[in-house]
Structures are given as C-alpha cells and as structure tokens.
C-alpha cells in the first residue's frame, strides 16, 4: 500500500507548529495528505496576511497551532487563538486574516 500522508516523518512524536515556518509578508502551506474526500494542510500566515473569502465542497476544520486570527464564516466574525478549533461548514463563504502571526492545521472533509 502507498502512503497517503507526505511531507512529515512517520513513527515519531512531532510538534505540528514546528513543521512550518513563518515567512515575512507571506502565506505558507504544506500539504500533509490529499485524497478525493479529504485534505490536510499546515499553514503559516504572517501578521496581516489572509486567505480570501471562498466556499468549499467540504467541511473545514481549523485547529489553531499558534497566534491569532479573524475567521469570517458567512456574516459571523470569530476570533481564534492557539489551542482553539473552528469548523467552517461547506457551502458557506469563509475567509481569514492573521491578527498576529498565525499557524493552523486545516482539515477539509468532503462528502461522497
């Protein structure tokens, strides 16, 4: 069987926030797994950087690893900090902006 997970060491205790670095003025991403029904991606965003409003065909789980961000889901503004998790439902416009440097693990689960 071929491993689905990539860009990460197997059989080792890891700190996810240490697997991706901040870059000045940039959004950085590292895909850890991608199959037709799910994507798992690490992100780091410098302060003031963001991901523009969009919709997805799957529910998106944001697990905040470091920093602070504003997440807009429909008309709701949510402030998230390290240690918190937010679910962004499929089909609802959402986007985010880093209030401070910000790292997250994003998991998108799509229905079949």
C-alpha atoms as a PDB file:
ATOM      1  CA  UNK A   1       0.000   0.000   0.000  1.00  0.00           C
ATOM      2  CA  UNK A   2       1.211   3.505  -0.833  1.00  0.00           C
ATOM      3  CA  UNK A   3       1.286   6.049   1.996  1.00  0.00           C
ATOM      4  CA  UNK A   4      -1.247   8.849   1.609  1.00  0.00           C
ATOM      5  CA  UNK A   5       0.497  11.091   4.151  1.00  0.00           C
ATOM      6  CA  UNK A   6       3.508  13.051   2.873  1.00  0.00           C
ATOM      7  CA  UNK A   7       5.913  15.841   3.901  1.00  0.00           C
ATOM      8  CA  UNK A   8       6.015  14.612   7.505  1.00  0.00           C
ATOM      9  CA  UNK A   9       8.046  11.984   9.362  1.00  0.00           C
ATOM     10  CA  UNK A  10       6.361   8.714  10.286  1.00  0.00           C
ATOM     11  CA  UNK A  11       6.605   6.916  13.639  1.00  0.00           C
ATOM     12  CA  UNK A  12       7.888   9.938  15.529  1.00  0.00           C
ATOM     13  CA  UNK A  13       6.406  12.406  18.044  1.00  0.00           C
ATOM     14  CA  UNK A  14       6.180  15.767  16.279  1.00  0.00           C
ATOM     15  CA  UNK A  15       5.100  19.308  17.121  1.00  0.00           C
ATOM     16  CA  UNK A  16       2.985  20.430  14.192  1.00  0.00           C
ATOM     17  CA  UNK A  17       3.702  24.132  14.763  1.00  0.00           C
ATOM     18  CA  UNK A  18       7.424  23.432  14.263  1.00  0.00           C
ATOM     19  CA  UNK A  19       6.897  21.780  10.862  1.00  0.00           C
ATOM     20  CA  UNK A  20       6.171  25.064   9.074  1.00  0.00           C
ATOM     21  CA  UNK A  21       7.964  28.407   9.297  1.00  0.00           C
ATOM     22  CA  UNK A  22       6.766  31.973   9.081  1.00  0.00           C
ATOM     23  CA  UNK A  23       7.881  33.987   6.062  1.00  0.00           C
ATOM     24  CA  UNK A  24       7.626  37.799   6.102  1.00  0.00           C
ATOM     25  CA  UNK A  25       4.567  39.010   4.178  1.00  0.00           C
ATOM     26  CA  UNK A  26       3.562  35.520   3.059  1.00  0.00           C
ATOM     27  CA  UNK A  27       1.106  32.697   3.451  1.00  0.00           C
ATOM     28  CA  UNK A  28       2.992  29.382   3.515  1.00  0.00           C
ATOM     29  CA  UNK A  29       1.340  25.975   3.157  1.00  0.00           C
ATOM     30  CA  UNK A  30       2.497  22.375   3.427  1.00  0.00           C
ATOM     31  CA  UNK A  31       0.181  19.589   2.298  1.00  0.00           C
ATOM     32  CA  UNK A  32       0.298  16.563   4.604  1.00  0.00           C
ATOM     33  CA  UNK A  33      -2.376  14.457   2.881  1.00  0.00           C
ATOM     34  CA  UNK A  34      -4.671  14.812  -0.108  1.00  0.00           C
ATOM     35  CA  UNK A  35      -7.238  12.318  -1.323  1.00  0.00           C
ATOM     36  CA  UNK A  36     -10.519  12.941  -3.169  1.00  0.00           C
ATOM     37  CA  UNK A  37     -12.509  13.122   0.091  1.00  0.00           C
ATOM     38  CA  UNK A  38     -10.034  14.898   2.394  1.00  0.00           C
ATOM     39  CA  UNK A  39      -7.154  17.361   2.523  1.00  0.00           C
ATOM     40  CA  UNK A  40      -4.838  18.016   5.473  1.00  0.00           C
ATOM     41  CA  UNK A  41      -2.626  21.105   5.214  1.00  0.00           C
ATOM     42  CA  UNK A  42      -0.421  23.108   7.567  1.00  0.00           C
ATOM     43  CA  UNK A  43      -0.479  26.887   7.102  1.00  0.00           C
ATOM     44  CA  UNK A  44       1.533  29.786   8.466  1.00  0.00           C
ATOM     45  CA  UNK A  45       0.468  33.376   7.838  1.00  0.00           C
ATOM     46  CA  UNK A  46       2.410  36.496   8.670  1.00  0.00           C
ATOM     47  CA  UNK A  47       0.536  39.226  10.543  1.00  0.00           C
ATOM     48  CA  UNK A  48      -1.972  40.920   8.236  1.00  0.00           C
ATOM     49  CA  UNK A  49      -1.909  38.140   5.645  1.00  0.00           C
ATOM     50  CA  UNK A  50      -5.060  36.216   4.859  1.00  0.00           C
ATOM     51  CA  UNK A  51      -6.985  33.742   2.794  1.00  0.00           C
ATOM     52  CA  UNK A  52      -9.685  35.457   0.738  1.00  0.00           C
ATOM     53  CA  UNK A  53     -13.352  34.584   1.100  1.00  0.00           C
ATOM     54  CA  UNK A  54     -14.326  31.414  -0.731  1.00  0.00           C
ATOM     55  CA  UNK A  55     -16.558  28.350  -0.383  1.00  0.00           C
ATOM     56  CA  UNK A  56     -15.570  24.688  -0.253  1.00  0.00           C
ATOM     57  CA  UNK A  57     -17.373  21.461  -1.032  1.00  0.00           C
ATOM     58  CA  UNK A  58     -16.359  20.030   2.330  1.00  0.00           C
ATOM     59  CA  UNK A  59     -16.460  20.964   5.990  1.00  0.00           C
ATOM     60  CA  UNK A  60     -13.194  22.634   7.044  1.00  0.00           C
ATOM     61  CA  UNK A  61     -11.712  22.097  10.498  1.00  0.00           C
ATOM     62  CA  UNK A  62      -9.263  24.817  11.595  1.00  0.00           C
ATOM     63  CA  UNK A  63      -7.016  23.812  14.512  1.00  0.00           C
ATOM     64  CA  UNK A  64      -5.048  26.857  15.676  1.00  0.00           C
ATOM     65  CA  UNK A  65      -1.443  25.975  16.493  1.00  0.00           C
ATOM     66  CA  UNK A  66      -0.009  29.453  17.127  1.00  0.00           C
ATOM     67  CA  UNK A  67      -1.029  33.089  17.079  1.00  0.00           C
ATOM     68  CA  UNK A  68      -4.405  34.690  16.487  1.00  0.00           C
ATOM     69  CA  UNK A  69      -6.706  35.208  13.514  1.00  0.00           C
ATOM     70  CA  UNK A  70     -10.092  36.550  12.495  1.00  0.00           C
ATOM     71  CA  UNK A  71     -12.234  33.999  10.693  1.00  0.00           C
ATOM     72  CA  UNK A  72     -15.309  35.151   8.833  1.00  0.00           C
ATOM     73  CA  UNK A  73     -17.952  32.462   8.261  1.00  0.00           C
ATOM     74  CA  UNK A  74     -20.945  33.877   6.422  1.00  0.00           C
ATOM     75  CA  UNK A  75     -21.732  37.015   8.451  1.00  0.00           C
ATOM     76  CA  UNK A  76     -20.113  35.749  11.665  1.00  0.00           C
ATOM     77  CA  UNK A  77     -16.695  37.008  12.782  1.00  0.00           C
ATOM     78  CA  UNK A  78     -14.814  34.636  15.085  1.00  0.00           C
ATOM     79  CA  UNK A  79     -11.507  35.444  16.802  1.00  0.00           C
ATOM     80  CA  UNK A  80      -9.397  32.314  17.271  1.00  0.00           C
ATOM     81  CA  UNK A  81      -6.224  31.729  19.284  1.00  0.00           C
ATOM     82  CA  UNK A  82      -3.722  28.919  19.812  1.00  0.00           C
ATOM     83  CA  UNK A  83      -5.389  25.796  21.164  1.00  0.00           C
ATOM     84  CA  UNK A  84      -8.811  26.575  19.684  1.00  0.00           C
ATOM     85  CA  UNK A  85     -10.683  24.857  16.850  1.00  0.00           C
ATOM     86  CA  UNK A  86     -13.379  26.161  14.498  1.00  0.00           C
ATOM     87  CA  UNK A  87     -15.487  24.274  11.975  1.00  0.00           C
ATOM     88  CA  UNK A  88     -16.296  26.099   8.741  1.00  0.00           C
ATOM     89  CA  UNK A  89     -19.297  24.369   7.115  1.00  0.00           C
ATOM     90  CA  UNK A  90     -19.271  23.502   3.427  1.00  0.00           C
ATOM     91  CA  UNK A  91     -21.089  25.833   1.091  1.00  0.00           C
ATOM     92  CA  UNK A  92     -20.829  28.853   3.443  1.00  0.00           C
ATOM     93  CA  UNK A  93     -18.405  31.609   2.344  1.00  0.00           C
ATOM     94  CA  UNK A  94     -15.436  31.882   4.685  1.00  0.00           C
ATOM     95  CA  UNK A  95     -12.025  33.528   4.853  1.00  0.00           C
ATOM     96  CA  UNK A  96      -9.467  34.566   7.425  1.00  0.00           C
ATOM     97  CA  UNK A  97      -6.841  37.143   8.322  1.00  0.00           C
ATOM     98  CA  UNK A  98      -3.952  36.827  10.760  1.00  0.00           C
ATOM     99  CA  UNK A  99      -4.237  39.380  13.600  1.00  0.00           C
ATOM    100  CA  UNK A 100      -0.852  38.111  14.802  1.00  0.00           C
ATOM    101  CA  UNK A 101       1.429  35.630  13.100  1.00  0.00           C
ATOM    102  CA  UNK A 102      -0.754  32.554  12.822  1.00  0.00           C
ATOM    103  CA  UNK A 103      -0.331  28.818  12.225  1.00  0.00           C
ATOM    104  CA  UNK A 104      -3.102  26.306  11.685  1.00  0.00           C
ATOM    105  CA  UNK A 105      -3.764  22.739  10.685  1.00  0.00           C
ATOM    106  CA  UNK A 106      -6.593  22.747   8.138  1.00  0.00           C
ATOM    107  CA  UNK A 107      -8.509  19.540   7.513  1.00  0.00           C
ATOM    108  CA  UNK A 108     -11.195  19.562   4.831  1.00  0.00           C
ATOM    109  CA  UNK A 109     -13.563  16.597   4.761  1.00  0.00           C
ATOM    110  CA  UNK A 110     -15.751  16.172   1.677  1.00  0.00           C
ATOM    111  CA  UNK A 111     -18.887  14.052   1.343  1.00  0.00           C
ATOM    112  CA  UNK A 112     -19.009  11.389  -1.322  1.00  0.00           C
END
